[in-house]
Protein backbone atom coordinates (compact mmCIF):
# COMPACT_ATOMS: atom_id res chain seq x y z
CA UNK A 1 64.38 80.47 -93.38
CA UNK A 2 65.01 80.38 -96.89
CA UNK A 3 66.44 83.92 -96.81
CA UNK A 4 69.02 83.00 -94.25
CA UNK A 5 70.11 79.55 -96.20
CA UNK A 6 70.20 81.53 -99.35
CA UNK A 7 73.49 83.31 -98.33
CA UNK A 8 74.97 79.94 -97.88
CA UNK A 9 73.87 78.20 -101.24
CA UNK A 10 76.36 77.97 -104.13
CA UNK A 11 73.70 76.94 -106.92
CA UNK A 12 71.43 79.06 -109.01
CA UNK A 13 68.06 80.10 -107.68
CA UNK A 14 65.39 81.63 -109.65
CA UNK A 15 62.00 82.56 -109.21
CA UNK A 16 58.95 81.90 -111.69
CA UNK A 17 61.24 80.11 -114.22
CA UNK A 18 59.68 79.00 -117.41
CA UNK A 19 59.64 75.21 -117.60
CA UNK A 20 59.56 75.19 -121.33
CA UNK A 21 63.13 76.12 -121.12
CA UNK A 22 63.80 72.86 -119.14
CA UNK A 23 61.40 70.18 -120.83
CA UNK A 24 62.27 68.51 -124.29
CA UNK A 25 58.75 69.12 -125.56
CA UNK A 26 59.47 73.14 -125.23
CA UNK A 27 55.97 73.82 -123.44
CA UNK A 28 54.47 74.35 -120.36
CA UNK A 29 54.51 76.79 -117.69
CA UNK A 30 56.87 78.32 -114.67
CA UNK A 31 58.36 77.07 -111.52
CA UNK A 32 57.56 79.28 -108.87
CA UNK A 33 61.13 78.43 -107.37
CA UNK A 34 63.84 76.91 -109.60
CA UNK A 35 67.22 75.48 -108.32
CA UNK A 36 70.41 74.25 -109.63
CA UNK A 37 72.31 72.80 -106.89
CA UNK A 38 76.52 73.10 -107.07
CA UNK A 39 76.86 69.74 -106.22
CA UNK A 40 75.55 67.09 -103.26
CA UNK A 41 76.78 69.09 -100.63
CA UNK A 42 74.65 72.00 -101.60
CA UNK A 43 71.72 70.13 -102.68
CA UNK A 44 71.63 68.87 -98.89
CA UNK A 45 71.80 72.30 -97.64
CA UNK A 46 68.94 73.36 -99.82
CA UNK A 47 66.71 71.00 -99.25
CA UNK A 48 67.26 71.22 -95.18
CA UNK A 49 66.16 74.52 -95.55
CA UNK A 50 63.08 73.65 -97.49
CA UNK A 51 59.59 73.64 -95.12
CA UNK A 52 58.46 70.01 -95.06
CA UNK A 53 54.99 71.24 -97.07
CA UNK A 54 56.84 72.75 -100.02
CA UNK A 55 55.69 70.73 -103.16
CA UNK A 56 59.15 69.14 -104.26
CA UNK A 57 60.05 67.92 -108.06
CA UNK A 58 63.33 66.86 -109.22
CA UNK A 59 64.10 67.31 -113.32
CA UNK A 60 66.61 66.00 -115.23
CA UNK A 61 66.91 66.62 -119.08
CA UNK A 62 63.17 67.06 -118.99
CA UNK A 63 62.61 64.75 -121.71
CA UNK A 64 59.84 62.60 -120.32
CA UNK A 65 58.00 65.53 -118.45
CA UNK A 66 55.11 67.86 -119.14
CA UNK A 67 54.58 70.86 -116.77
CA UNK A 68 51.14 71.97 -117.19
CA UNK A 69 50.40 75.83 -118.32
CA UNK A 70 49.86 76.90 -114.88
CA UNK A 71 53.07 75.75 -113.72
CA UNK A 72 54.50 74.12 -110.87
CA UNK A 73 53.56 75.28 -107.50
CA UNK A 74 56.64 74.75 -105.45
CA UNK A 75 60.09 74.03 -106.07
CA UNK A 76 62.04 72.23 -108.96
CA UNK A 77 65.45 71.01 -108.45
CA UNK A 78 67.49 70.87 -111.59
CA UNK A 79 70.17 68.46 -112.37
CA UNK A 80 71.16 69.84 -115.62
CA UNK A 81 75.06 70.35 -115.69
CA UNK A 82 75.26 69.34 -111.99
CA UNK A 83 76.03 66.01 -110.47
CA UNK A 84 77.63 64.59 -113.51
CA UNK A 85 80.44 62.77 -112.25
CA UNK A 86 81.49 59.42 -113.77
CA UNK A 87 84.15 57.36 -112.20
CA UNK A 88 85.27 54.02 -113.70
CA UNK A 89 86.99 51.23 -111.51
CA UNK A 90 87.45 48.14 -113.44
CA UNK A 91 84.06 46.69 -113.99
CA UNK A 92 82.24 49.12 -112.17
CA UNK A 93 81.18 52.55 -113.11
CA UNK A 94 79.84 55.35 -110.69
CA UNK A 95 77.67 57.86 -112.48
CA UNK A 96 76.14 61.17 -110.89
CA UNK A 97 72.12 61.70 -111.31
CA UNK A 98 72.69 64.67 -113.47
CA UNK A 99 74.94 62.86 -116.32
CA UNK A 100 73.18 62.55 -119.63
CA UNK A 101 72.62 58.78 -120.64
CA UNK A 102 74.45 59.01 -124.03
CA UNK A 103 77.58 60.34 -122.50
CA UNK A 104 77.53 57.41 -119.71
CA UNK A 105 76.75 55.17 -122.96
CA UNK A 106 79.57 56.51 -124.92
CA UNK A 107 82.35 56.75 -122.12
CA UNK A 108 81.60 53.48 -120.89
CA UNK A 109 82.19 51.67 -124.47
CA UNK A 110 85.17 53.44 -124.98
CA UNK A 111 86.18 52.24 -121.76
CA UNK A 112 85.74 48.56 -123.02
CA UNK A 113 83.12 48.05 -120.94
CA UNK A 114 79.58 46.60 -122.51
CA UNK A 115 75.88 46.69 -121.36
CA UNK A 116 75.05 50.13 -121.26
CA UNK A 117 75.19 51.07 -124.89
CA UNK A 118 71.50 50.96 -125.09
CA UNK A 119 71.43 54.50 -122.96
CA UNK A 120 72.99 56.03 -126.24
CA UNK A 121 69.46 56.84 -127.34
CA UNK A 122 67.96 57.75 -124.08
CA UNK A 123 67.28 61.74 -124.19
CA UNK A 124 67.32 61.84 -120.24
CA UNK A 125 69.95 61.93 -117.43
CA UNK A 126 70.96 58.81 -115.18
CA UNK A 127 68.66 59.99 -112.50
CA UNK A 128 65.78 59.68 -114.93
CA UNK A 129 67.01 56.27 -116.03
CA UNK A 130 66.97 55.18 -112.61
CA UNK A 131 63.74 56.77 -111.83
CA UNK A 132 61.64 55.18 -114.95
CA UNK A 133 63.59 51.96 -115.63
CA UNK A 134 64.41 53.50 -118.89
CA UNK A 135 65.20 50.55 -121.61
CA UNK A 136 66.05 50.32 -125.42
CA UNK A 137 67.25 47.57 -127.52
CA UNK A 138 66.13 44.63 -125.04
CA UNK A 139 67.96 46.15 -122.09
CA UNK A 140 66.93 47.81 -119.10
CA UNK A 141 68.62 50.35 -116.76
CA UNK A 142 68.14 48.49 -113.46
CA UNK A 143 69.73 45.56 -114.90
CA UNK A 144 73.04 46.46 -114.40
CA UNK A 145 72.59 48.69 -110.93
CA UNK A 146 74.55 47.27 -108.24
CA UNK A 147 73.82 50.45 -105.41
CA UNK A 148 72.24 53.70 -105.76
CA UNK A 149 72.46 56.83 -103.65
CA UNK A 150 69.69 58.69 -102.53
CA UNK A 151 68.93 62.07 -100.72
CA UNK A 152 65.80 62.71 -99.02
CA UNK A 153 63.94 65.98 -98.15
CA UNK A 154 66.09 66.77 -95.13
CA UNK A 155 69.16 66.23 -97.08
CA UNK A 156 70.37 62.99 -95.43
CA UNK A 157 71.97 60.65 -97.92
CA UNK A 158 71.61 57.05 -97.79
CA UNK A 159 73.33 54.25 -100.23
CA UNK A 160 70.49 51.49 -101.11
CA UNK A 161 70.37 48.46 -102.81
CA UNK A 162 68.13 46.91 -105.76
CA UNK A 163 66.51 45.09 -103.29
CA UNK A 164 64.91 48.13 -101.67
CA UNK A 165 63.17 48.96 -104.85
CA UNK A 166 60.18 47.20 -106.78
CA UNK A 167 61.69 47.32 -110.68
CA UNK A 168 59.37 46.74 -113.39
CA UNK A 169 58.87 47.78 -116.92
CA UNK A 170 59.25 51.80 -117.04
CA UNK A 171 58.30 51.76 -113.45
CA UNK A 172 60.35 52.10 -110.23
CA UNK A 173 58.92 51.93 -106.35
CA UNK A 174 61.31 52.60 -103.86
CA UNK A 175 61.20 54.50 -100.63
CA UNK A 176 58.88 57.30 -100.28
CA UNK A 177 60.43 60.83 -100.16
CA UNK A 178 63.95 60.23 -101.77
CA UNK A 179 65.55 61.09 -104.93
CA UNK A 180 68.67 59.69 -106.64
CA UNK A 181 71.87 61.27 -106.57
CA UNK A 182 73.73 58.67 -108.58
CA UNK A 183 74.10 54.75 -109.10
CA UNK A 184 77.01 52.48 -109.26
CA UNK A 185 76.66 49.87 -112.09
CA UNK A 186 78.35 46.61 -112.40
CA UNK A 187 79.12 45.84 -116.26
CA UNK A 188 81.01 43.24 -118.36
CA UNK A 189 84.40 43.45 -120.38
CA UNK A 190 83.74 44.03 -123.96
CA UNK A 191 85.37 45.40 -127.10
CA UNK A 192 85.18 49.02 -127.45
CA UNK A 193 84.88 49.14 -131.36
CA UNK A 194 82.19 46.67 -130.95
CA UNK A 195 80.16 48.75 -128.20
CA UNK A 196 80.78 52.08 -130.56
CA UNK A 197 79.50 50.27 -133.40
CA UNK A 198 76.22 49.25 -131.49
CA UNK A 199 75.61 52.89 -130.32
CA UNK A 200 76.57 54.30 -134.13
CA UNK A 201 73.75 51.89 -135.71
CA UNK A 202 71.27 52.61 -132.64
CA UNK A 203 71.44 56.14 -133.14
CA UNK A 204 71.30 55.95 -136.97
CA UNK A 205 68.13 53.97 -136.55
CA UNK A 206 66.54 56.45 -134.00
CA UNK A 207 67.31 59.14 -136.80
CA UNK A 208 65.40 57.08 -139.48
CA UNK A 209 62.34 56.31 -137.37
CA UNK A 210 61.91 58.78 -134.82
CA UNK A 211 61.04 62.52 -135.35
CA UNK A 212 64.37 64.07 -133.99
CA UNK A 213 64.03 67.26 -135.76
CA UNK A 214 61.08 68.64 -133.57
CA UNK A 215 60.66 68.79 -129.61
CA UNK A 216 59.22 66.15 -128.12
CA UNK A 217 59.38 63.66 -125.06
CA UNK A 218 60.18 60.20 -126.51
CA UNK A 219 57.68 57.40 -126.40
CA UNK A 220 54.38 58.96 -124.75
CA UNK A 221 52.99 55.60 -123.92
CA UNK A 222 54.26 52.28 -122.71
CA UNK A 223 54.16 49.89 -125.08
CA UNK A 224 51.18 46.93 -123.96
CA UNK A 225 52.14 43.54 -123.30
CA UNK A 226 52.93 41.36 -126.91
CA UNK A 227 52.09 44.89 -129.14
CA UNK A 228 53.08 48.27 -129.64
CA UNK A 229 51.56 51.56 -128.52
CA UNK A 230 52.63 52.86 -131.84
CA UNK A 231 50.85 50.29 -133.93
CA UNK A 232 47.91 51.08 -132.21
CA UNK A 233 47.87 54.36 -132.63
CA UNK A 234 48.50 54.15 -136.03
CA UNK A 235 45.63 51.78 -136.48
CA UNK A 236 43.18 54.42 -135.26
CA UNK A 237 44.40 56.65 -138.31
CA UNK A 238 45.91 58.99 -135.92
CA UNK A 239 49.28 59.99 -137.46
CA UNK A 240 49.32 63.57 -138.13
CA UNK A 241 46.50 64.26 -136.03
CA UNK A 242 46.87 67.56 -134.33
CA UNK A 243 45.47 69.48 -131.23
CA UNK A 244 46.70 73.15 -131.78
CA UNK A 245 50.30 72.89 -132.01
CA UNK A 246 50.43 69.42 -130.85
CA UNK A 247 50.49 66.72 -133.63
CA UNK A 248 50.89 62.88 -133.59
CA UNK A 249 54.06 62.80 -135.39
CA UNK A 250 54.20 61.10 -139.18
CA UNK A 251 57.10 59.66 -138.49
CA UNK A 252 56.21 57.32 -135.27
CA UNK A 253 52.81 57.39 -133.76
CA UNK A 254 54.09 57.11 -130.27
CA UNK A 255 55.58 60.45 -130.62
CA UNK A 256 53.86 63.83 -129.96
CA UNK A 257 55.40 66.72 -131.60
CA UNK A 258 55.66 70.24 -130.84
CA UNK A 259 55.37 72.01 -134.33
CA UNK A 260 56.21 75.18 -132.63
CA UNK A 261 52.90 76.56 -131.07
CA UNK A 262 51.89 74.10 -128.53
CA UNK A 263 50.98 74.92 -125.03
CA UNK A 264 51.16 72.16 -122.44
CA UNK A 265 47.44 72.04 -122.70
CA UNK A 266 47.57 71.11 -126.40
CA UNK A 267 49.62 68.38 -125.58
CA UNK A 268 47.75 66.76 -122.58
CA UNK A 269 44.45 66.98 -124.61
CA UNK A 270 45.81 65.16 -127.53
CA UNK A 271 47.34 62.41 -125.16
CA UNK A 272 43.75 62.26 -123.88
CA UNK A 273 42.24 62.08 -127.20
CA UNK A 274 44.62 59.32 -128.40
CA UNK A 275 44.16 57.53 -125.65
CA UNK A 276 40.17 57.40 -125.99
CA UNK A 277 40.31 56.47 -129.38
CA UNK A 278 42.81 53.49 -129.03
CA UNK A 279 40.28 52.44 -125.71
CA UNK A 280 37.40 52.78 -128.31
CA UNK A 281 38.67 51.21 -131.32
CA UNK A 282 41.23 48.86 -129.99
CA UNK A 283 40.01 47.78 -126.64
CA UNK A 284 43.46 49.02 -125.33
CA UNK A 285 44.17 51.18 -122.46
CA UNK A 286 47.27 52.77 -123.20
CA UNK A 287 49.38 53.85 -120.16
CA UNK A 288 51.47 57.32 -120.13
CA UNK A 289 55.29 56.99 -120.02
CA UNK A 290 55.58 61.00 -119.82
CA UNK A 291 54.68 62.62 -116.41
CA UNK A 292 52.22 65.33 -116.14
CA UNK A 293 52.64 67.47 -113.27
CA UNK A 294 51.65 70.95 -112.21
CA UNK A 295 48.38 73.21 -112.21
CA UNK A 296 46.10 73.56 -115.00
CA UNK A 297 46.60 76.83 -117.22
CA UNK A 298 44.12 78.57 -119.13
CA UNK A 299 41.72 76.50 -121.47
CA UNK A 300 42.18 77.23 -124.97
CA UNK A 301 39.03 75.66 -125.81
CA UNK A 302 40.29 73.34 -128.85
């Protein structure tokens, strides 16, 4: 069935694609099938041909994702460099799921619309921001969502309202088996110079406080109510603690960096160690903000 469909597909299909190329940690195993759709119609055709039982994962810029060393046993749809449309109509902005968040932040700011400046420092796509309610500087993605467009496994598209989703801190629960194609945001008129200044200041602060020079996945853990994950991790003396090539950043304790040789297994083991230490010494259970998927690889026995 796939073979017949393949002739009609206009996107890029690859087998055994190393996911280390597609996640910001630069570690992890291969995807058995990897597809970059040409556009939403092409994606719909591709999904319609997938067997119901095929494990399916959508990936944006891979900035909060770890694929285990054994890889992903099914299909990954990558929205990198595709579904990147942006249309501004008055105070409404329609953005495709593949559009990088910093581009959305800058382009709406330049258009004199205020609200999405905080996305300038979010290293993912609009789809990823929708899926996890990305936030920064006291703002969250879903505060500005008027509607979203989704697609299901059969390639059927729907327009949904925020009321169809349960949105919380770094969490979004919605209809099962649907993925985001894009969203319409409702913004406020603003001042382009002011908005761009907010963006500049935010990026400067990020550069000063976060390990932007080494591969990382942003914040690893959610901040517990009334506290900061970084403070708890630092209080356990874990800054600079390593498993293999994965280390807790010296610059920001809620970041785990790949010093060059980290496997996905190293990173996952370090995450577990941090969680165990903080639970034991601080009495707090840290909840991961990053997703870990796929099959375990060889254990390196660190």
